[in-house]
PDB file of all heavy atoms in Angstrom:
ATOM      1  N   GLY A   1       0.809  -1.205   0.000  1.00  0.00           N
ATOM      2  CA  GLY A   1       0.000   0.000   0.000  1.00  0.00           C
ATOM      3  C   GLY A   1       0.844   1.258   0.000  1.00  0.00           C
ATOM      4  O   GLY A   1       0.487   2.261  -0.636  1.00  0.00           O
ATOM      5  N   ASP A   2       1.986   1.238   0.690  1.00  0.00           N
ATOM      6  CA  ASP A   2       2.888   2.392   0.683  1.00  0.00           C
ATOM      7  C   ASP A   2       3.466   2.626  -0.706  1.00  0.00           C
ATOM      8  O   ASP A   2       3.655   3.775  -1.132  1.00  0.00           O
ATOM      9  CB  ASP A   2       4.017   2.187   1.694  1.00  0.00           C
ATOM     10  CG  ASP A   2       3.585   2.469   3.122  1.00  0.00           C
ATOM     11  OD1 ASP A   2       2.554   3.159   3.294  1.00  0.00           O
ATOM     12  OD2 ASP A   2       4.263   2.006   4.048  1.00  0.00           O
ATOM     13  N   ASP A   3       3.760   1.541  -1.424  1.00  0.00           N
ATOM     14  CA  ASP A   3       4.241   1.680  -2.804  1.00  0.00           C
ATOM     15  C   ASP A   3       3.175   2.362  -3.672  1.00  0.00           C
ATOM     16  O   ASP A   3       3.488   3.226  -4.495  1.00  0.00           O
ATOM     17  CB  ASP A   3       4.593   0.313  -3.396  1.00  0.00           C
ATOM     18  CG  ASP A   3       5.801  -0.324  -2.722  1.00  0.00           C
ATOM     19  OD1 ASP A   3       6.724   0.426  -2.355  1.00  0.00           O
ATOM     20  OD2 ASP A   3       5.807  -1.554  -2.570  1.00  0.00           O
ATOM     21  N   ALA A   4       1.916   1.958  -3.481  1.00  0.00           N
ATOM     22  CA  ALA A   4       0.820   2.558  -4.239  1.00  0.00           C
ATOM     23  C   ALA A   4       0.682   4.039  -3.909  1.00  0.00           C
ATOM     24  O   ALA A   4       0.462   4.875  -4.794  1.00  0.00           O
ATOM     25  CB  ALA A   4      -0.480   1.822  -3.955  1.00  0.00           C
ATOM     26  N   ARG A   5       0.806   4.373  -2.624  1.00  0.00           N
ATOM     27  CA  ARG A   5       0.715   5.777  -2.218  1.00  0.00           C
ATOM     28  C   ARG A   5       1.841   6.590  -2.855  1.00  0.00           C
ATOM     29  O   ARG A   5       1.616   7.691  -3.362  1.00  0.00           O
ATOM     30  CB  ARG A   5       0.769   5.890  -0.700  1.00  0.00           C
ATOM     31  CG  ARG A   5       0.732   7.343  -0.188  1.00  0.00           C
ATOM     32  CD  ARG A   5       1.007   7.420   1.290  1.00  0.00           C
ATOM     33  NE  ARG A   5       2.303   6.856   1.637  1.00  0.00           N
ATOM     34  CZ  ARG A   5       3.458   7.488   1.446  1.00  0.00           C
ATOM     35  NH1 ARG A   5       3.493   8.697   0.889  1.00  0.00           N
ATOM     36  NH2 ARG A   5       4.600   6.904   1.793  1.00  0.00           N
ATOM     37  N   ARG A   6       3.084   6.058  -2.811  1.00  0.00           N
ATOM     38  CA  ARG A   6       4.212   6.776  -3.419  1.00  0.00           C
ATOM     39  C   ARG A   6       4.026   6.924  -4.926  1.00  0.00           C
ATOM     40  O   ARG A   6       4.402   7.940  -5.515  1.00  0.00           O
ATOM     41  CB  ARG A   6       5.530   6.053  -3.103  1.00  0.00           C
ATOM     42  CG  ARG A   6       6.025   6.249  -1.678  1.00  0.00           C
ATOM     43  CD  ARG A   6       7.449   5.727  -1.517  1.00  0.00           C
ATOM     44  NE  ARG A   6       7.496   4.272  -1.580  1.00  0.00           N
ATOM     45  CZ  ARG A   6       7.386   3.480  -0.522  1.00  0.00           C
ATOM     46  NH1 ARG A   6       7.206   4.008   0.680  1.00  0.00           N
ATOM     47  NH2 ARG A   6       7.449   2.166  -0.651  1.00  0.00           N
ATOM     48  N   PHE A   7       3.457   5.891  -5.539  1.00  0.00           N
ATOM     49  CA  PHE A   7       3.214   5.949  -6.989  1.00  0.00           C
ATOM     50  C   PHE A   7       2.280   7.116  -7.315  1.00  0.00           C
ATOM     51  O   PHE A   7       2.507   7.863  -8.273  1.00  0.00           O
ATOM     52  CB  PHE A   7       2.602   4.632  -7.449  1.00  0.00           C
ATOM     53  CG  PHE A   7       2.168   4.621  -8.893  1.00  0.00           C
ATOM     54  CD1 PHE A   7       3.085   4.436  -9.909  1.00  0.00           C
ATOM     55  CD2 PHE A   7       0.832   4.802  -9.232  1.00  0.00           C
ATOM     56  CE1 PHE A   7       2.687   4.432 -11.244  1.00  0.00           C
ATOM     57  CE2 PHE A   7       0.421   4.799 -10.554  1.00  0.00           C
ATOM     58  CZ  PHE A   7       1.357   4.612 -11.561  1.00  0.00           C
ATOM     59  N   ILE A   8       1.219   7.288  -6.546  1.00  0.00           N
ATOM     60  CA  ILE A   8       0.245   8.350  -6.800  1.00  0.00           C
ATOM     61  C   ILE A   8       0.745   9.708  -6.323  1.00  0.00           C
ATOM     62  O   ILE A   8       0.700  10.704  -7.049  1.00  0.00           O
ATOM     63  CB  ILE A   8      -1.099   8.018  -6.130  1.00  0.00           C
ATOM     64  CG1 ILE A   8      -1.775   6.835  -6.828  1.00  0.00           C
ATOM     65  CG2 ILE A   8      -2.031   9.239  -6.160  1.00  0.00           C
ATOM     66  CD1 ILE A   8      -2.198   7.113  -8.254  1.00  0.00           C
ATOM     67  N   GLU A   9       1.216   9.777  -5.097  1.00  0.00           N
ATOM     68  CA  GLU A   9       1.517  11.072  -4.489  1.00  0.00           C
ATOM     69  C   GLU A   9       2.970  11.488  -4.627  1.00  0.00           C
ATOM     70  O   GLU A   9       3.302  12.666  -4.456  1.00  0.00           O
ATOM     71  CB  GLU A   9       1.140  11.021  -2.999  1.00  0.00           C
ATOM     72  CG  GLU A   9      -0.337  10.721  -2.765  1.00  0.00           C
ATOM     73  CD  GLU A   9      -0.667  10.519  -1.298  1.00  0.00           C
ATOM     74  OE1 GLU A   9       0.265  10.641  -0.453  1.00  0.00           O
ATOM     75  OE2 GLU A   9      -1.847  10.252  -0.976  1.00  0.00           O
ATOM     76  N   GLY A  10       3.870  10.539  -4.911  1.00  0.00           N
ATOM     77  CA  GLY A  10       5.284  10.850  -4.959  1.00  0.00           C
ATOM     78  C   GLY A  10       5.875  10.899  -3.558  1.00  0.00           C
ATOM     79  O   GLY A  10       5.172  10.824  -2.552  1.00  0.00           O
ATOM     80  N   GLU A  11       7.185  11.044  -3.495  1.00  0.00           N
ATOM     81  CA  GLU A  11       7.858  11.121  -2.201  1.00  0.00           C
ATOM     82  C   GLU A  11       9.213  11.756  -2.389  1.00  0.00           C
ATOM     83  O   GLU A  11       9.964  11.393  -3.310  1.00  0.00           O
ATOM     84  CB  GLU A  11       7.993   9.728  -1.589  1.00  0.00           C
ATOM     85  CG  GLU A  11       8.475   9.736  -0.139  1.00  0.00           C
ATOM     86  CD  GLU A  11       8.334   8.371   0.505  1.00  0.00           C
ATOM     87  OE1 GLU A  11       9.242   7.531   0.302  1.00  0.00           O
ATOM     88  OE2 GLU A  11       7.331   8.151   1.202  1.00  0.00           O
ATOM     89  N   GLY A  12       9.535  12.707  -1.512  1.00  0.00           N
ATOM     90  CA  GLY A  12      10.812  13.392  -1.629  1.00  0.00           C
ATOM     91  C   GLY A  12      10.938  14.091  -2.972  1.00  0.00           C
ATOM     92  O   GLY A  12      10.018  14.786  -3.401  1.00  0.00           O
ATOM     93  N   PRO A  13      12.070  13.884  -3.665  1.00  0.00           N
ATOM     94  CA  PRO A  13      12.265  14.561  -4.960  1.00  0.00           C
ATOM     95  C   PRO A  13      11.496  13.895  -6.110  1.00  0.00           C
ATOM     96  O   PRO A  13      11.485  14.413  -7.228  1.00  0.00           O
ATOM     97  CB  PRO A  13      13.777  14.440  -5.191  1.00  0.00           C
ATOM     98  CG  PRO A  13      14.144  13.162  -4.505  1.00  0.00           C
ATOM     99  CD  PRO A  13      13.253  13.083  -3.284  1.00  0.00           C
ATOM    100  N   HIS A  14      10.893  12.748  -5.851  1.00  0.00           N
ATOM    101  CA  HIS A  14      10.225  12.015  -6.922  1.00  0.00           C
ATOM    102  C   HIS A  14       8.761  12.460  -7.055  1.00  0.00           C
ATOM    103  O   HIS A  14       8.001  12.399  -6.092  1.00  0.00           O
ATOM    104  CB  HIS A  14      10.287  10.508  -6.648  1.00  0.00           C
ATOM    105  CG  HIS A  14      11.674   9.983  -6.508  1.00  0.00           C
ATOM    106  ND1 HIS A  14      12.610  10.077  -7.512  1.00  0.00           N
ATOM    107  CD2 HIS A  14      12.307   9.370  -5.462  1.00  0.00           C
ATOM    108  CE1 HIS A  14      13.749   9.536  -7.119  1.00  0.00           C
ATOM    109  NE2 HIS A  14      13.595   9.104  -5.874  1.00  0.00           N
ATOM    110  N   GLU A  15       8.393  12.884  -8.234  1.00  0.00           N
ATOM    111  CA  GLU A  15       7.027  13.327  -8.499  1.00  0.00           C
ATOM    112  C   GLU A  15       6.128  12.125  -8.718  1.00  0.00           C
ATOM    113  O   GLU A  15       6.476  11.199  -9.447  1.00  0.00           O
ATOM    114  CB  GLU A  15       6.999  14.223  -9.738  1.00  0.00           C
ATOM    115  CG  GLU A  15       5.644  14.830 -10.027  1.00  0.00           C
ATOM    116  CD  GLU A  15       5.685  15.739 -11.234  1.00  0.00           C
ATOM    117  OE1 GLU A  15       6.386  15.390 -12.212  1.00  0.00           O
ATOM    118  OE2 GLU A  15       5.032  16.796 -11.212  1.00  0.00           O
ATOM    119  N   GLY A  16       4.957  12.127  -8.104  1.00  0.00           N
ATOM    120  CA  GLY A  16       4.003  11.054  -8.287  1.00  0.00           C
ATOM    121  C   GLY A  16       3.137  11.267  -9.514  1.00  0.00           C
ATOM    122  O   GLY A  16       3.243  12.273 -10.227  1.00  0.00           O
ATOM    123  N   ALA A  17       2.256  10.285  -9.753  1.00  0.00           N
ATOM    124  CA  ALA A  17       1.373  10.361 -10.915  1.00  0.00           C
ATOM    125  C   ALA A  17       0.490  11.598 -10.869  1.00  0.00           C
ATOM    126  O   ALA A  17       0.231  12.227 -11.894  1.00  0.00           O
ATOM    127  CB  ALA A  17       0.518   9.098 -10.992  1.00  0.00           C
ATOM    128  N   GLU A  18       0.015  11.955  -9.668  1.00  0.00           N
ATOM    129  CA  GLU A  18      -0.844  13.135  -9.550  1.00  0.00           C
ATOM    130  C   GLU A  18      -0.156  14.390 -10.054  1.00  0.00           C
ATOM    131  O   GLU A  18      -0.692  15.129 -10.881  1.00  0.00           O
ATOM    132  CB  GLU A  18      -1.250  13.342  -8.088  1.00  0.00           C
ATOM    133  CG  GLU A  18      -2.407  12.494  -7.644  1.00  0.00           C
ATOM    134  CD  GLU A  18      -2.894  12.910  -6.267  1.00  0.00           C
ATOM    135  OE1 GLU A  18      -2.072  13.077  -5.365  1.00  0.00           O
ATOM    136  OE2 GLU A  18      -4.107  13.075  -6.116  1.00  0.00           O
ATOM    137  N   GLY A  19       1.029  14.661  -9.548  1.00  0.00           N
ATOM    138  CA  GLY A  19       1.731  15.880  -9.927  1.00  0.00           C
ATOM    139  C   GLY A  19       2.092  15.908 -11.394  1.00  0.00           C
ATOM    140  O   GLY A  19       1.962  16.940 -12.065  1.00  0.00           O
ATOM    141  N   ARG A  20       2.537  14.767 -11.889  1.00  0.00           N
ATOM    142  CA  ARG A  20       2.937  14.691 -13.292  1.00  0.00           C
ATOM    143  C   ARG A  20       1.753  14.928 -14.221  1.00  0.00           C
ATOM    144  O   ARG A  20       1.819  15.743 -15.154  1.00  0.00           O
ATOM    145  CB  ARG A  20       3.573  13.333 -13.564  1.00  0.00           C
ATOM    146  CG  ARG A  20       3.968  13.116 -15.017  1.00  0.00           C
ATOM    147  CD  ARG A  20       4.518  11.720 -15.190  1.00  0.00           C
ATOM    148  NE  ARG A  20       4.725  11.400 -16.592  1.00  0.00           N
ATOM    149  CZ  ARG A  20       5.000  10.183 -17.030  1.00  0.00           C
ATOM    150  NH1 ARG A  20       5.126   9.185 -16.183  1.00  0.00           N
ATOM    151  NH2 ARG A  20       5.180   9.958 -18.326  1.00  0.00           N
ATOM    152  N   LEU A  21       0.655  14.235 -13.960  1.00  0.00           N
ATOM    153  CA  LEU A  21      -0.504  14.378 -14.840  1.00  0.00           C
ATOM    154  C   LEU A  21      -1.175  15.731 -14.690  1.00  0.00           C
ATOM    155  O   LEU A  21      -1.757  16.248 -15.649  1.00  0.00           O
ATOM    156  CB  LEU A  21      -1.504  13.258 -14.579  1.00  0.00           C
ATOM    157  CG  LEU A  21      -1.067  11.864 -15.047  1.00  0.00           C
ATOM    158  CD1 LEU A  21      -2.144  10.834 -14.732  1.00  0.00           C
ATOM    159  CD2 LEU A  21      -0.754  11.854 -16.525  1.00  0.00           C
ATOM    160  N   LEU A  22      -1.117  16.321 -13.507  1.00  0.00           N
ATOM    161  CA  LEU A  22      -1.695  17.654 -13.337  1.00  0.00           C
ATOM    162  C   LEU A  22      -1.005  18.644 -14.262  1.00  0.00           C
ATOM    163  O   LEU A  22      -1.657  19.461 -14.926  1.00  0.00           O
ATOM    164  CB  LEU A  22      -1.570  18.107 -11.882  1.00  0.00           C
ATOM    165  CG  LEU A  22      -2.084  19.529 -11.594  1.00  0.00           C
ATOM    166  CD1 LEU A  22      -3.554  19.664 -11.982  1.00  0.00           C
ATOM    167  CD2 LEU A  22      -1.873  19.894 -10.139  1.00  0.00           C
ATOM    168  N   ARG A  23       0.330  18.590 -14.331  1.00  0.00           N
ATOM    169  CA  ARG A  23       1.051  19.483 -15.246  1.00  0.00           C
ATOM    170  C   ARG A  23       0.651  19.231 -16.689  1.00  0.00           C
ATOM    171  O   ARG A  23       0.468  20.167 -17.479  1.00  0.00           O
ATOM    172  CB  ARG A  23       2.559  19.296 -15.087  1.00  0.00           C
ATOM    173  CG  ARG A  23       3.127  19.787 -13.769  1.00  0.00           C
ATOM    174  CD  ARG A  23       4.646  19.713 -13.738  1.00  0.00           C
ATOM    175  NE  ARG A  23       5.145  18.344 -13.851  1.00  0.00           N
ATOM    176  CZ  ARG A  23       5.627  17.811 -14.957  1.00  0.00           C
ATOM    177  NH1 ARG A  23       5.651  18.501 -16.080  1.00  0.00           N
ATOM    178  NH2 ARG A  23       6.077  16.569 -14.967  1.00  0.00           N
ATOM    179  N   LEU A  24       0.524  17.964 -17.044  1.00  0.00           N
ATOM    180  CA  LEU A  24       0.161  17.626 -18.420  1.00  0.00           C
ATOM    181  C   LEU A  24      -1.246  18.099 -18.761  1.00  0.00           C
ATOM    182  O   LEU A  24      -1.505  18.609 -19.859  1.00  0.00           O
ATOM    183  CB  LEU A  24       0.271  16.115 -18.622  1.00  0.00           C
ATOM    184  CG  LEU A  24       1.680  15.518 -18.534  1.00  0.00           C
ATOM    185  CD1 LEU A  24       1.630  14.001 -18.631  1.00  0.00           C
ATOM    186  CD2 LEU A  24       2.569  16.096 -19.616  1.00  0.00           C
ATOM    187  N   TRP A  25      -2.176  17.924 -17.824  1.00  0.00           N
ATOM    188  CA  TRP A  25      -3.556  18.370 -18.072  1.00  0.00           C
ATOM    189  C   TRP A  25      -3.619  19.898 -18.191  1.00  0.00           C
ATOM    190  O   TRP A  25      -4.357  20.431 -19.029  1.00  0.00           O
ATOM    191  CB  TRP A  25      -4.466  17.890 -16.946  1.00  0.00           C
ATOM    192  CG  TRP A  25      -5.032  16.524 -17.156  1.00  0.00           C
ATOM    193  CD1 TRP A  25      -4.516  15.337 -16.740  1.00  0.00           C
ATOM    194  CD2 TRP A  25      -6.238  16.202 -17.854  1.00  0.00           C
ATOM    195  NE1 TRP A  25      -5.322  14.295 -17.129  1.00  0.00           N
ATOM    196  CE2 TRP A  25      -6.386  14.795 -17.804  1.00  0.00           C
ATOM    197  CE3 TRP A  25      -7.215  16.960 -18.495  1.00  0.00           C
ATOM    198  CZ2 TRP A  25      -7.464  14.140 -18.395  1.00  0.00           C
ATOM    199  CZ3 TRP A  25      -8.299  16.295 -19.082  1.00  0.00           C
ATOM    200  CH2 TRP A  25      -8.407  14.904 -19.026  1.00  0.00           C
ATOM    201  N   ILE A  26      -2.895  20.612 -17.345  1.00  0.00           N
ATOM    202  CA  ILE A  26      -2.911  22.072 -17.430  1.00  0.00           C
ATOM    203  C   ILE A  26      -2.365  22.537 -18.774  1.00  0.00           C
ATOM    204  O   ILE A  26      -2.934  23.427 -19.429  1.00  0.00           O
ATOM    205  CB  ILE A  26      -2.110  22.689 -16.268  1.00  0.00           C
ATOM    206  CG1 ILE A  26      -2.848  22.460 -14.937  1.00  0.00           C
ATOM    207  CG2 ILE A  26      -1.883  24.190 -16.491  1.00  0.00           C
ATOM    208  CD1 ILE A  26      -2.071  22.900 -13.719  1.00  0.00           C
ATOM    209  N   ASN A  27      -1.264  21.938 -19.220  1.00  0.00           N
ATOM    210  CA  ASN A  27      -0.722  22.293 -20.540  1.00  0.00           C
ATOM    211  C   ASN A  27      -1.728  22.001 -21.642  1.00  0.00           C
ATOM    212  O   ASN A  27      -1.870  22.764 -22.604  1.00  0.00           O
ATOM    213  CB  ASN A  27       0.575  21.519 -20.791  1.00  0.00           C
ATOM    214  CG  ASN A  27       1.747  22.083 -20.017  1.00  0.00           C
ATOM    215  OD1 ASN A  27       1.657  23.165 -19.451  1.00  0.00           O
ATOM    216  ND2 ASN A  27       2.840  21.349 -19.965  1.00  0.00           N
ATOM    217  N   ALA A  28      -2.438  20.894 -21.502  1.00  0.00           N
ATOM    218  CA  ALA A  28      -3.425  20.526 -22.513  1.00  0.00           C
ATOM    219  C   ALA A  28      -4.613  21.483 -22.497  1.00  0.00           C
ATOM    220  O   ALA A  28      -5.147  21.851 -23.544  1.00  0.00           O
ATOM    221  CB  ALA A  28      -3.898  19.099 -22.280  1.00  0.00           C
ATOM    222  N   GLU A  29      -5.039  21.875 -21.296  1.00  0.00           N
ATOM    223  CA  GLU A  29      -6.147  22.826 -21.201  1.00  0.00           C
ATOM    224  C   GLU A  29      -5.782  24.144 -21.880  1.00  0.00           C
ATOM    225  O   GLU A  29      -6.597  24.741 -22.588  1.00  0.00           O
ATOM    226  CB  GLU A  29      -6.498  23.074 -19.731  1.00  0.00           C
ATOM    227  CG  GLU A  29      -7.213  21.917 -19.050  1.00  0.00           C
ATOM    228  CD  GLU A  29      -8.594  21.688 -19.618  1.00  0.00           C
ATOM    229  OE1 GLU A  29      -9.439  22.620 -19.570  1.00  0.00           O
ATOM    230  OE2 GLU A  29      -8.854  20.587 -20.110  1.00  0.00           O
ATOM    231  N   ARG A  30      -4.584  24.609 -21.648  1.00  0.00           N
ATOM    232  CA  ARG A  30      -4.162  25.869 -22.275  1.00  0.00           C
ATOM    233  C   ARG A  30      -4.099  25.731 -23.800  1.00  0.00           C
ATOM    234  O   ARG A  30      -4.538  26.615 -24.533  1.00  0.00           O
ATOM    235  CB  ARG A  30      -2.805  26.300 -21.727  1.00  0.00           C
ATOM    236  CG  ARG A  30      -2.830  26.631 -20.247  1.00  0.00           C
ATOM    237  CD  ARG A  30      -1.561  27.355 -19.800  1.00  0.00           C
ATOM    238  NE  ARG A  30      -1.530  27.522 -18.352  1.00  0.00           N
ATOM    239  CZ  ARG A  30      -2.261  28.414 -17.672  1.00  0.00           C
ATOM    240  NH1 ARG A  30      -3.074  29.217 -18.327  1.00  0.00           N
ATOM    241  NH2 ARG A  30      -2.169  28.492 -16.367  1.00  0.00           N
ATOM    242  N   ALA A  31      -3.554  24.613 -24.263  1.00  0.00           N
ATOM    243  CA  ALA A  31      -3.488  24.392 -25.710  1.00  0.00           C
ATOM    244  C   ALA A  31      -4.882  24.291 -26.311  1.00  0.00           C
ATOM    245  O   ALA A  31      -5.141  24.823 -27.397  1.00  0.00           O
ATOM    246  CB  ALA A  31      -2.689  23.119 -26.002  1.00  0.00           C
ATOM    247  N   ALA A  32      -5.797  23.617 -25.606  1.00  0.00           N
ATOM    248  CA  ALA A  32      -7.162  23.463 -26.109  1.00  0.00           C
ATOM    249  C   ALA A  32      -7.895  24.799 -26.118  1.00  0.00           C
ATOM    250  O   ALA A  32      -8.659  25.101 -27.051  1.00  0.00           O
ATOM    251  CB  ALA A  32      -7.924  22.444 -25.260  1.00  0.00           C
ATOM    252  N   TRP A  33      -7.684  25.617 -25.082  1.00  0.00           N
ATOM    253  CA  TRP A  33      -8.345  26.928 -25.038  1.00  0.00           C
ATOM    254  C   TRP A  33      -7.905  27.792 -26.222  1.00  0.00           C
ATOM    255  O   TRP A  33      -8.736  28.418 -26.889  1.00  0.00           O
ATOM    256  CB  TRP A  33      -8.018  27.634 -23.724  1.00  0.00           C
ATOM    257  CG  TRP A  33      -8.610  29.010 -23.645  1.00  0.00           C
ATOM    258  CD1 TRP A  33      -8.009  30.193 -23.961  1.00  0.00           C
ATOM    259  CD2 TRP A  33      -9.960  29.340 -23.276  1.00  0.00           C
ATOM    260  NE1 TRP A  33      -8.873  31.233 -23.805  1.00  0.00           N
ATOM    261  CE2 TRP A  33     -10.078  30.750 -23.378  1.00  0.00           C
ATOM    262  CE3 TRP A  33     -11.051  28.590 -22.854  1.00  0.00           C
ATOM    263  CZ2 TRP A  33     -11.269  31.417 -23.073  1.00  0.00           C
ATOM    264  CZ3 TRP A  33     -12.238  29.254 -22.550  1.00  0.00           C
ATOM    265  CH2 TRP A  33     -12.339  30.642 -22.667  1.00  0.00           C
ATOM    266  N   ILE A  34      -6.600  27.809 -26.471  1.00  0.00           N
ATOM    267  CA  ILE A  34      -6.097  28.615 -27.588  1.00  0.00           C
ATOM    268  C   ILE A  34      -6.636  28.088 -28.910  1.00  0.00           C
ATOM    269  O   ILE A  34      -7.088  28.857 -29.771  1.00  0.00           O
ATOM    270  CB  ILE A  34      -4.552  28.612 -27.588  1.00  0.00           C
ATOM    271  CG1 ILE A  34      -4.029  29.319 -26.334  1.00  0.00           C
ATOM    272  CG2 ILE A  34      -4.011  29.282 -28.845  1.00  0.00           C
ATOM    273  CD1 ILE A  34      -2.535  29.171 -26.120  1.00  0.00           C
ATOM    274  N   GLN A  35      -6.620  26.757 -29.082  1.00  0.00           N
ATOM    275  CA  GLN A  35      -7.093  26.179 -30.343  1.00  0.00           C
ATOM    276  C   GLN A  35      -8.584  26.433 -30.538  1.00  0.00           C
ATOM    277  O   GLN A  35      -9.033  26.724 -31.656  1.00  0.00           O
ATOM    278  CB  GLN A  35      -6.802  24.674 -30.362  1.00  0.00           C
ATOM    279  CG  GLN A  35      -7.086  23.993 -31.677  1.00  0.00           C
ATOM    280  CD  GLN A  35      -8.524  23.476 -31.772  1.00  0.00           C
ATOM    281  OE1 GLN A  35      -9.232  23.387 -30.769  1.00  0.00           O
ATOM    282  NE2 GLN A  35      -8.936  23.135 -32.974  1.00  0.00           N
ATOM    283  N   ASN A  36      -9.384  26.335 -29.482  1.00  0.00           N
ATOM    284  CA  ASN A  36     -10.823  26.571 -29.595  1.00  0.00           C
ATOM    285  C   ASN A  36     -11.141  28.012 -29.959  1.00  0.00           C
ATOM    286  O   ASN A  36     -12.163  28.294 -30.582  1.00  0.00           O
ATOM    287  CB  ASN A  36     -11.521  26.220 -28.285  1.00  0.00           C
ATOM    288  CG  ASN A  36     -11.943  24.762 -28.205  1.00  0.00           C
ATOM    289  OD1 ASN A  36     -13.083  24.431 -27.887  1.00  0.00           O
ATOM    290  ND2 ASN A  36     -11.011  23.860 -28.490  1.00  0.00           N
TER     291      ASN A  36
END
């Protein structure tokens, strides 16, 4: 379960899935807004 938590939330200098995908979604939202 701790491995799963680290995978999602990250730990120390390692970015988890949440942080990584949040950046990707924000970049996509900005690109989509401009394109629309």
